[in-house]
Amino acid sequence: MLSRRTLPLLLLALPAFGTEMLYLQQALQEALQNNHGYIASGTESRYAEEAVNWGNAGLFPNLDGTGGYTFSQLDTRQDRGGTIEDRSAAQSTAGNAGLNLNWTLFEGFAAPRAHKRLQLQRDKARGLERLTREELLRSTALAYADLVRQLRLRDALDSSAGISEERLRILGRSLEAGASAKPDWLEAHVDRNADRAALIRQEAILRSARLGLGQILGRKESVHENPESELLMGKLEIGELLAGLPERQPALFLAATDKALVEIAAQERAALWFPKLDARAGYNFSLTSSDAGFIRQNRTLGPSAGLQLRIPLFDGELPWRVQHRARLALEAAEWRRRESQSVAEAALQQSHAAWMAADSALALESEGLTFARENLSLTFIRWKSGSIGYLDARRAQEKFLESATRTENTAFEAFSARVDLLRAAGRMESMLEESMEPARSGAP
């Protein structure tokens, strides 16, 4: 676990006075508000919510208004018991209007099951939104930590370049005074140029990190603020993380929801074999007229009501085969759910082990960097006094850069391992709480 004795250098960026700061919690909140992908997932979740309300319509009666008018002009020949009548261009018209109510009283519980399916689809959309949210929090935290790392690496390279510049200036004066050899001055030139080139390359990497974080935050430009000192200090005991994992882990929630969807689909399919009972009522008007026929005009007006029973007999498939396939699908869904839980528990334990190892490595690298920094200061003083040669002084400088790079990379790995552990445990939301107090206490 990260402790105050082993504060990750990755998260101890010391900003210049007056520089605008960006706290980790602020970055996380901004990403949740402005990230386009997360906003889209939220919209899809709201759409699924609206679909549940629409599904309630199947539980209520349907009311339809109807109306129509037709006109025809035909030639007819009618035989009326020996009397033949021919009519040319006989006109016929028909008009109707009505108001009809249809209410399915029973359909094998299909409507409640369809409503349940829409609820499960809504829950699945919410689970996918949670999954997107956790991935966004992870991406934001890692992009933020990477910006801290690149800033600190830039500072380390800047310090090294400053030492090389100072060493070259001292050797230049010594060469003019005849107190040093030209090869040392030439080698100092080479080292100074190499350090400045490395600093330029690091500045480009830093700009890329600023752009990457800005894109995740939904900004059109790169992040211009500097990251502030942040710590995620909560305890992460493996037993506590495993407790309640199926309820917190979005992947496990989605696996359980998929199983429930398979089960409700089987129930909906079985409902097709139940009889259906419909109640109908209406009030209708019709008027027909014809130039040909016994009845020249017919007019009807009045209410109607009735019940209709429909019994499905055969639809091309045997019921027991449908039921057998449904059992197989449900069994497969249950095995997938168990596999998801097994994978999630294994991933959690692996993530915990990786975090413990990275945290221990960070403690050692941090201590080594302290020694390398002190050694660099001492060797520079000894070199200025002439106690050691140029190569020894340069070697101490290179050791410092190597140690600083390893420490920053290890600190990033430790932070990344902690974030991955929180994600595996379904506790990404805790980052918002854990990063709150440092942001408040560090704010001016």
Protein backbone atom coordinates (compact mmCIF):
# COMPACT_ATOMS: atom_id res chain seq x y z
CA MET A 1 0.00 0.00 0.00
CA LEU A 2 1.22 3.54 -0.71
CA SER A 3 2.29 5.23 2.51
CA ARG A 4 3.60 8.65 3.39
CA ARG A 5 7.03 7.10 3.78
CA THR A 6 6.95 6.01 0.15
CA LEU A 7 5.16 8.91 -1.51
CA PRO A 8 5.26 8.31 -5.26
CA LEU A 9 7.39 10.93 -6.94
CA LEU A 10 4.98 10.63 -9.82
CA LEU A 11 2.36 12.43 -7.73
CA LEU A 12 4.57 15.06 -6.08
CA ALA A 13 4.87 17.57 -8.90
CA LEU A 14 5.93 20.91 -7.43
CA PRO A 15 4.27 23.65 -9.52
CA ALA A 16 5.80 27.01 -10.13
CA PHE A 17 4.33 29.92 -8.17
CA GLY A 18 1.25 31.41 -9.81
CA THR A 19 0.70 28.48 -12.20
CA GLU A 20 -2.91 27.38 -12.67
CA MET A 21 -3.49 23.92 -11.18
CA LEU A 22 -5.62 20.97 -12.22
CA TYR A 23 -6.48 18.55 -9.43
CA LEU A 24 -7.16 14.90 -10.10
CA GLN A 25 -10.71 15.13 -8.82
CA GLN A 26 -11.35 18.14 -11.06
CA ALA A 27 -10.07 16.22 -14.07
CA LEU A 28 -12.29 13.24 -13.25
CA GLN A 29 -15.38 15.43 -12.85
CA GLU A 30 -14.65 17.33 -16.05
CA ALA A 31 -14.29 14.10 -18.00
CA LEU A 32 -17.63 12.81 -16.69
CA GLN A 33 -19.31 16.06 -17.75
CA ASN A 34 -17.76 16.59 -21.17
CA ASN A 35 -16.45 13.31 -22.60
CA HIS A 36 -18.40 12.59 -25.80
CA GLY A 37 -18.37 8.81 -25.50
CA TYR A 38 -19.67 8.88 -21.93
CA ILE A 39 -22.41 11.37 -22.83
CA ALA A 40 -23.48 9.03 -25.65
CA SER A 41 -23.69 6.06 -23.27
CA GLY A 42 -25.83 8.12 -20.89
CA THR A 43 -28.17 9.02 -23.74
CA GLU A 44 -28.51 5.35 -24.68
CA SER A 45 -29.34 4.54 -21.06
CA ARG A 46 -32.09 7.18 -21.01
CA TYR A 47 -33.45 5.79 -24.29
CA ALA A 48 -33.72 2.34 -22.67
CA GLU A 49 -35.54 3.95 -19.74
CA GLU A 50 -38.05 5.52 -22.10
CA ALA A 51 -38.53 2.16 -23.81
CA VAL A 52 -39.73 0.68 -20.51
CA ASN A 53 -42.46 3.32 -20.30
CA TRP A 54 -43.44 2.59 -23.90
CA GLY A 55 -43.67 -1.10 -23.04
CA ASN A 56 -46.50 -0.35 -20.59
CA ALA A 57 -48.74 0.34 -23.58
CA GLY A 58 -49.20 -3.40 -24.17
CA LEU A 59 -51.07 -3.71 -20.88
CA PHE A 60 -53.84 -1.32 -21.88
CA PRO A 61 -56.59 -1.44 -24.54
CA ASN A 62 -56.17 -0.05 -28.04
CA LEU A 63 -58.58 2.57 -29.34
CA ASP A 64 -58.76 3.16 -33.10
CA GLY A 65 -60.73 5.60 -35.21
CA THR A 66 -61.51 4.43 -38.78
CA GLY A 67 -62.92 6.03 -41.86
CA GLY A 68 -63.01 5.41 -45.62
CA TYR A 69 -64.72 6.15 -48.90
CA THR A 70 -64.66 4.24 -52.19
CA PHE A 71 -66.13 4.91 -55.64
CA SER A 72 -66.47 2.53 -58.60
CA GLN A 73 -68.00 2.66 -62.10
CA LEU A 74 -68.59 -0.75 -63.71
CA ASP A 75 -70.48 -2.42 -66.52
CA THR A 76 -72.83 -5.11 -65.11
CA ARG A 77 -75.06 -7.86 -66.49
CA GLN A 78 -77.63 -9.29 -64.09
CA ASP A 79 -79.93 -12.30 -64.67
CA ARG A 80 -83.01 -12.02 -62.48
CA GLY A 81 -84.88 -15.26 -63.18
CA GLY A 82 -85.15 -14.81 -66.90
CA THR A 83 -85.04 -11.08 -66.84
CA ILE A 84 -81.67 -9.83 -67.96
CA GLU A 85 -80.59 -6.33 -67.16
CA ASP A 86 -77.50 -4.74 -68.62
CA ARG A 87 -76.09 -1.58 -67.08
CA SER A 88 -73.22 0.41 -68.45
CA ALA A 89 -71.11 2.62 -66.20
CA ALA A 90 -73.07 1.68 -63.08
CA GLN A 91 -71.78 3.72 -60.17
CA SER A 92 -71.26 2.41 -56.65
CA THR A 93 -70.08 4.29 -53.58
CA ALA A 94 -69.28 3.17 -50.05
CA GLY A 95 -68.40 5.22 -46.99
CA ASN A 96 -67.69 4.15 -43.41
CA ALA A 97 -66.54 5.58 -40.11
CA GLY A 98 -66.18 4.13 -36.67
CA LEU A 99 -64.57 4.07 -33.25
CA ASN A 100 -63.30 0.66 -32.07
CA LEU A 101 -61.81 -0.56 -28.81
CA ASN A 102 -59.72 -3.75 -28.64
CA TRP A 103 -58.40 -5.10 -25.33
CA THR A 104 -56.40 -8.29 -25.05
CA LEU A 105 -57.56 -9.78 -21.76
CA PHE A 106 -55.18 -12.73 -21.80
CA GLU A 107 -52.27 -13.66 -24.06
CA GLY A 108 -50.24 -16.09 -22.01
CA PHE A 109 -48.70 -13.32 -19.85
CA ALA A 110 -46.81 -12.05 -22.91
CA ALA A 111 -47.31 -8.36 -22.05
CA PRO A 112 -45.89 -8.56 -18.49
CA ARG A 113 -42.96 -10.59 -19.76
CA ALA A 114 -42.30 -8.11 -22.56
CA HIS A 115 -42.34 -5.38 -19.95
CA LYS A 116 -39.88 -7.37 -17.83
CA ARG A 117 -37.63 -7.80 -20.87
CA LEU A 118 -37.61 -4.04 -21.45
CA GLN A 119 -36.70 -3.52 -17.79
CA LEU A 120 -33.78 -5.95 -18.14
CA GLN A 121 -32.65 -4.19 -21.32
CA ARG A 122 -32.77 -0.92 -19.39
CA ASP A 123 -30.67 -2.49 -16.61
CA LYS A 124 -28.20 -3.73 -19.22
CA ALA A 125 -27.94 -0.23 -20.70
CA ARG A 126 -27.24 1.10 -17.21
CA GLY A 127 -24.59 -1.57 -16.73
CA LEU A 128 -22.94 -0.58 -20.01
CA GLU A 129 -23.03 3.04 -18.89
CA ARG A 130 -21.30 2.03 -15.64
CA LEU A 131 -18.71 0.12 -17.66
CA THR A 132 -18.10 3.19 -19.85
CA ARG A 133 -17.91 5.39 -16.75
CA GLU A 134 -15.26 3.19 -15.12
CA GLU A 135 -13.21 3.04 -18.30
CA LEU A 136 -13.40 6.83 -18.58
CA LEU A 137 -12.31 7.30 -14.96
CA ARG A 138 -9.40 4.92 -15.56
CA SER A 139 -8.32 6.64 -18.79
CA THR A 140 -8.54 10.06 -17.16
CA ALA A 141 -6.55 9.03 -14.09
CA LEU A 142 -3.81 7.41 -16.18
CA ALA A 143 -3.62 10.36 -18.58
CA TYR A 144 -3.38 12.70 -15.58
CA ALA A 145 -0.64 10.55 -14.00
CA ASP A 146 1.23 10.39 -17.31
CA LEU A 147 1.20 14.19 -17.51
CA VAL A 148 2.70 14.33 -14.01
CA ARG A 149 5.37 11.82 -15.06
CA GLN A 150 6.31 13.70 -18.22
CA LEU A 151 6.49 16.99 -16.32
CA ARG A 152 8.83 15.51 -13.73
CA LEU A 153 10.98 13.85 -16.38
CA ARG A 154 11.18 17.21 -18.15
CA ASP A 155 12.28 18.83 -14.86
CA ALA A 156 14.94 16.15 -14.33
CA LEU A 157 16.27 16.63 -17.88
CA ASP A 158 16.17 20.38 -17.44
CA SER A 159 18.22 20.07 -14.26
CA SER A 160 20.71 17.80 -16.01
CA ALA A 161 20.97 20.19 -18.96
CA GLY A 162 21.59 23.04 -16.51
CA ILE A 163 24.42 21.10 -14.86
CA SER A 164 25.97 20.36 -18.26
CA GLU A 165 25.72 24.03 -19.20
CA GLU A 166 27.38 25.08 -15.96
CA ARG A 167 30.10 22.45 -16.35
CA LEU A 168 30.81 23.65 -19.92
CA ARG A 169 31.03 27.26 -18.72
CA ILE A 170 33.49 26.30 -15.96
CA LEU A 171 35.62 24.26 -18.37
CA GLY A 172 35.59 27.15 -20.83
CA ARG A 173 37.06 29.50 -18.24
CA SER A 174 39.58 26.87 -17.15
CA LEU A 175 40.61 26.27 -20.77
CA GLU A 176 41.21 30.01 -21.26
CA ALA A 177 43.29 30.05 -18.11
CA GLY A 178 45.21 26.94 -19.21
CA ALA A 179 44.02 24.95 -16.22
CA SER A 180 42.15 22.25 -18.21
CA ALA A 181 42.62 20.24 -21.38
CA LYS A 182 40.65 20.86 -24.55
CA PRO A 183 39.38 17.22 -24.86
CA ASP A 184 37.41 17.69 -21.63
CA TRP A 185 35.92 20.92 -22.99
CA LEU A 186 35.00 19.20 -26.29
CA GLU A 187 33.42 16.26 -24.47
CA ALA A 188 31.46 18.67 -22.30
CA HIS A 189 30.15 20.27 -25.51
CA VAL A 190 28.97 16.87 -26.75
CA ASP A 191 27.27 16.07 -23.44
CA ARG A 192 25.63 19.52 -23.23
CA ASN A 193 24.19 19.15 -26.74
CA ALA A 194 22.96 15.61 -25.98
CA ASP A 195 21.21 16.82 -22.82
CA ARG A 196 19.58 19.73 -24.64
CA ALA A 197 18.40 17.42 -27.44
CA ALA A 198 16.90 15.04 -24.86
CA LEU A 199 15.14 18.00 -23.24
CA ILE A 200 13.66 19.06 -26.61
CA ARG A 201 12.39 15.54 -27.23
CA GLN A 202 10.88 15.43 -23.76
CA GLU A 203 9.08 18.74 -24.38
CA ALA A 204 7.42 17.15 -27.43
CA ILE A 205 6.34 14.15 -25.34
CA LEU A 206 4.98 16.54 -22.72
CA ARG A 207 2.90 18.40 -25.31
CA SER A 208 1.50 15.09 -26.50
CA ALA A 209 0.52 14.19 -22.92
CA ARG A 210 -1.26 17.53 -22.52
CA LEU A 211 -3.16 16.95 -25.77
CA GLY A 212 -4.12 13.42 -24.76
CA LEU A 213 -5.54 14.50 -21.42
CA GLY A 214 -7.39 17.39 -23.08
CA GLN A 215 -9.04 15.01 -25.55
CA ILE A 216 -10.26 12.74 -22.75
CA LEU A 217 -11.63 15.76 -20.86
CA GLY A 218 -13.63 16.76 -23.93
CA ARG A 219 -11.59 19.90 -24.60
CA LYS A 220 -10.83 21.27 -28.02
CA GLU A 221 -7.35 22.28 -26.90
CA SER A 222 -4.63 20.72 -24.78
CA VAL A 223 -4.49 20.99 -21.00
CA HIS A 224 -2.57 24.14 -20.08
CA GLU A 225 -2.80 23.68 -16.30
CA ASN A 226 -0.23 21.76 -14.31
CA PRO A 227 -1.26 18.69 -12.29
CA GLU A 228 -1.20 19.14 -8.54
CA SER A 229 0.02 16.81 -5.81
CA GLU A 230 -2.48 13.95 -5.49
CA LEU A 231 -2.52 10.79 -3.42
CA LEU A 232 -4.80 7.76 -3.39
CA MET A 233 -4.21 6.51 0.13
CA GLY A 234 -7.12 4.19 0.97
CA LYS A 235 -6.44 0.66 2.18
CA LEU A 236 -6.86 -2.09 -0.40
CA GLU A 237 -7.18 -5.40 1.42
CA ILE A 238 -7.90 -8.34 -0.86
CA GLY A 239 -10.60 -9.77 1.43
CA GLU A 240 -12.56 -6.53 1.48
CA LEU A 241 -12.22 -6.14 -2.28
CA LEU A 242 -13.58 -9.63 -2.96
CA ALA A 243 -16.61 -9.09 -0.69
CA GLY A 244 -19.66 -8.04 -2.70
CA LEU A 245 -17.80 -8.24 -6.01
CA PRO A 246 -20.80 -9.44 -8.10
CA GLU A 247 -22.84 -6.38 -7.04
CA ARG A 248 -20.07 -3.85 -7.72
CA GLN A 249 -18.35 -5.24 -10.82
CA PRO A 250 -20.19 -4.05 -13.98
CA ALA A 251 -19.02 -7.06 -16.03
CA LEU A 252 -20.58 -9.47 -13.54
CA PHE A 253 -23.77 -7.41 -13.39
CA LEU A 254 -23.99 -7.57 -17.19
CA ALA A 255 -23.45 -11.35 -17.19
CA ALA A 256 -26.29 -11.82 -14.69
CA THR A 257 -28.52 -9.52 -16.74
CA ASP A 258 -27.78 -11.47 -19.92
CA LYS A 259 -28.81 -14.67 -18.17
CA ALA A 260 -32.08 -13.06 -17.05
CA LEU A 261 -32.71 -11.90 -20.62
CA VAL A 262 -32.26 -15.44 -21.92
CA GLU A 263 -34.71 -16.69 -19.31
CA ILE A 264 -37.36 -14.09 -20.13
CA ALA A 265 -36.94 -14.76 -23.86
CA ALA A 266 -37.75 -18.44 -23.21
CA GLN A 267 -40.84 -17.43 -21.25
CA GLU A 268 -41.97 -15.13 -24.05
CA ARG A 269 -41.56 -17.93 -26.57
CA ALA A 270 -43.63 -20.28 -24.39
CA ALA A 271 -46.38 -17.67 -24.16
CA LEU A 272 -47.12 -18.17 -27.87
CA TRP A 273 -48.71 -21.54 -27.04
CA PHE A 274 -51.26 -20.10 -24.61
CA PRO A 275 -54.77 -19.16 -25.80
CA LYS A 276 -55.55 -15.49 -26.41
CA LEU A 277 -58.76 -13.78 -25.35
CA ASP A 278 -59.70 -10.40 -26.82
CA ALA A 279 -62.60 -8.10 -25.95
CA ARG A 280 -63.86 -5.80 -28.68
CA ALA A 281 -66.33 -2.91 -28.70
CA GLY A 282 -67.10 -0.23 -31.23
CA TYR A 283 -69.53 2.23 -32.74
CA ASN A 284 -69.61 2.25 -36.53
CA PHE A 285 -71.39 3.89 -39.44
CA SER A 286 -71.52 2.72 -43.08
CA LEU A 287 -73.34 3.89 -46.19
CA THR A 288 -73.27 2.12 -49.56
CA SER A 289 -75.13 2.93 -52.76
CA SER A 290 -75.20 1.21 -56.14
CA ASP A 291 -76.93 1.77 -59.45
CA ALA A 292 -77.00 -1.98 -59.99
CA GLY A 293 -78.50 -4.61 -57.68
CA PHE A 294 -81.61 -5.21 -55.66
CA ILE A 295 -80.61 -2.75 -52.90
CA ARG A 296 -79.86 0.69 -54.18
CA GLN A 297 -78.69 2.06 -50.83
CA ASN A 298 -77.77 0.53 -47.49
CA ARG A 299 -77.08 2.46 -44.29
CA THR A 300 -75.96 1.03 -40.89
CA LEU A 301 -75.25 2.81 -37.62
CA GLY A 302 -74.81 1.46 -34.11
CA PRO A 303 -72.63 -0.15 -31.46
CA SER A 304 -71.07 -3.61 -31.46
CA ALA A 305 -69.29 -5.72 -28.84
CA GLY A 306 -67.93 -9.22 -28.48
CA LEU A 307 -65.25 -11.62 -27.29
CA GLN A 308 -62.81 -13.59 -29.41
CA LEU A 309 -60.81 -16.61 -28.32
CA ARG A 310 -57.77 -17.71 -30.30
CA ILE A 311 -56.10 -21.06 -29.67
CA PRO A 312 -52.73 -21.66 -31.42
CA LEU A 313 -52.56 -25.19 -32.73
CA PHE A 314 -49.43 -25.39 -34.86
CA ASP A 315 -46.95 -22.85 -36.11
CA GLY A 316 -44.49 -25.16 -37.87
CA GLU A 317 -42.45 -26.08 -34.79
CA LEU A 318 -42.99 -28.59 -31.99
CA PRO A 319 -43.29 -27.00 -28.52
CA TRP A 320 -40.96 -29.40 -26.73
CA ARG A 321 -38.14 -28.62 -29.17
CA VAL A 322 -38.54 -24.93 -28.45
CA GLN A 323 -38.44 -25.66 -24.73
CA HIS A 324 -35.33 -27.83 -25.13
CA ARG A 325 -33.48 -25.05 -26.97
CA ALA A 326 -34.52 -22.59 -24.30
CA ARG A 327 -33.06 -24.84 -21.58
CA LEU A 328 -29.79 -25.11 -23.51
CA ALA A 329 -29.58 -21.32 -23.95
CA LEU A 330 -30.26 -20.79 -20.24
CA GLU A 331 -27.64 -23.35 -19.26
CA ALA A 332 -25.07 -21.67 -21.52
CA ALA A 333 -25.89 -18.27 -20.01
CA GLU A 334 -25.39 -19.64 -16.51
CA TRP A 335 -21.98 -21.09 -17.45
CA ARG A 336 -21.00 -17.75 -18.98
CA ARG A 337 -22.02 -16.01 -15.76
CA ARG A 338 -19.90 -18.41 -13.70
CA GLU A 339 -16.96 -17.94 -16.06
CA SER A 340 -17.27 -14.16 -15.79
CA GLN A 341 -17.21 -14.40 -12.00
CA SER A 342 -14.21 -16.72 -12.04
CA VAL A 343 -12.33 -14.40 -14.42
CA ALA A 344 -13.24 -11.35 -12.34
CA GLU A 345 -12.01 -12.91 -9.08
CA ALA A 346 -8.77 -14.07 -10.70
CA ALA A 347 -8.21 -10.65 -12.30
CA LEU A 348 -8.76 -9.01 -8.91
CA GLN A 349 -6.21 -11.19 -7.19
CA GLN A 350 -3.70 -10.71 -10.02
CA SER A 351 -4.21 -6.94 -9.93
CA HIS A 352 -3.69 -6.90 -6.17
CA ALA A 353 -0.43 -8.85 -6.49
CA ALA A 354 0.78 -6.54 -9.27
CA TRP A 355 -0.03 -3.47 -7.18
CA MET A 356 1.81 -4.83 -4.12
CA ALA A 357 4.89 -5.60 -6.24
CA ALA A 358 4.84 -2.21 -7.96
CA ASP A 359 4.45 -0.40 -4.64
CA SER A 360 7.41 -2.27 -3.13
CA ALA A 361 9.53 -1.53 -6.21
CA LEU A 362 8.57 2.13 -5.94
CA ALA A 363 9.83 2.33 -2.36
CA LEU A 364 13.23 0.99 -3.45
CA GLU A 365 13.48 3.22 -6.53
CA SER A 366 12.50 6.30 -4.50
CA GLU A 367 15.24 5.57 -1.97
CA GLY A 368 17.72 5.00 -4.79
CA LEU A 369 16.82 8.33 -6.37
CA THR A 370 17.51 10.09 -3.08
CA PHE A 371 20.99 8.57 -3.03
CA ALA A 372 21.58 9.40 -6.72
CA ARG A 373 20.57 13.05 -6.18
CA GLU A 374 22.87 13.39 -3.18
CA ASN A 375 25.71 11.70 -5.06
CA LEU A 376 25.23 14.07 -8.00
CA SER A 377 25.53 17.08 -5.72
CA LEU A 378 28.66 15.73 -4.02
CA THR A 379 30.41 14.71 -7.25
CA PHE A 380 29.77 18.13 -8.80
CA ILE A 381 31.39 19.79 -5.79
CA ARG A 382 34.31 17.35 -5.89
CA TRP A 383 34.74 17.88 -9.64
CA LYS A 384 34.86 21.65 -9.20
CA SER A 385 37.53 21.20 -6.54
CA GLY A 386 39.51 18.88 -8.83
CA SER A 387 39.17 15.79 -6.63
CA ILE A 388 37.65 13.69 -9.44
CA GLY A 389 37.82 13.71 -13.22
CA TYR A 390 35.23 14.72 -15.77
CA LEU A 391 34.14 11.16 -16.60
CA ASP A 392 33.34 10.38 -12.96
CA ALA A 393 31.25 13.54 -12.68
CA ARG A 394 29.41 12.75 -15.90
CA ARG A 395 28.78 9.19 -14.76
CA ALA A 396 27.11 10.47 -11.60
CA GLN A 397 24.92 12.73 -13.74
CA GLU A 398 23.91 9.82 -15.97
CA LYS A 399 23.17 7.67 -12.93
CA PHE A 400 20.90 10.39 -11.61
CA LEU A 401 18.99 10.57 -14.90
CA GLU A 402 18.64 6.81 -15.07
CA SER A 403 17.40 6.65 -11.48
CA ALA A 404 14.96 9.54 -12.03
CA THR A 405 13.56 7.88 -15.16
CA ARG A 406 13.19 4.50 -13.47
CA THR A 407 11.55 6.08 -10.43
CA GLU A 408 9.03 8.07 -12.45
CA ASN A 409 8.18 5.05 -14.60
CA THR A 410 7.85 2.82 -11.54
CA ALA A 411 5.67 5.43 -9.84
CA PHE A 412 3.42 5.50 -12.90
CA GLU A 413 3.27 1.70 -12.89
CA ALA A 414 2.32 1.69 -9.19
CA PHE A 415 -0.40 4.27 -9.78
CA SER A 416 -1.65 2.39 -12.84
CA ALA A 417 -1.66 -0.89 -10.89
CA ARG A 418 -3.74 0.73 -8.15
CA VAL A 419 -6.23 2.10 -10.68
CA ASP A 420 -6.49 -1.31 -12.37
CA LEU A 421 -7.06 -2.90 -8.96
CA LEU A 422 -9.88 -0.47 -8.22
CA ARG A 423 -11.41 -1.22 -11.60
CA ALA A 424 -11.16 -4.99 -11.10
CA ALA A 425 -12.91 -4.57 -7.73
CA GLY A 426 -15.64 -2.34 -9.18
CA ARG A 427 -14.54 0.54 -6.95
CA MET A 428 -13.52 3.18 -9.48
CA GLU A 429 -15.97 5.62 -7.91
CA SER A 430 -13.80 5.60 -4.79
CA MET A 431 -11.16 7.58 -6.70
CA LEU A 432 -13.49 10.56 -6.63
CA GLU A 433 -13.64 10.30 -2.83
CA GLU A 434 -9.98 9.43 -2.26
CA SER A 435 -8.77 12.34 -4.37
CA MET A 436 -11.16 14.82 -2.75
CA GLU A 437 -9.26 15.60 0.43
CA PRO A 438 -5.86 16.21 -1.22
CA ALA A 439 -7.54 18.52 -3.71
CA ARG A 440 -9.17 20.51 -0.92
CA SER A 441 -6.17 20.64 1.36
CA GLY A 442 -3.80 21.53 -1.48
CA ALA A 443 -6.02 24.22 -2.97
CA PRO A 444 -4.90 27.80 -2.33
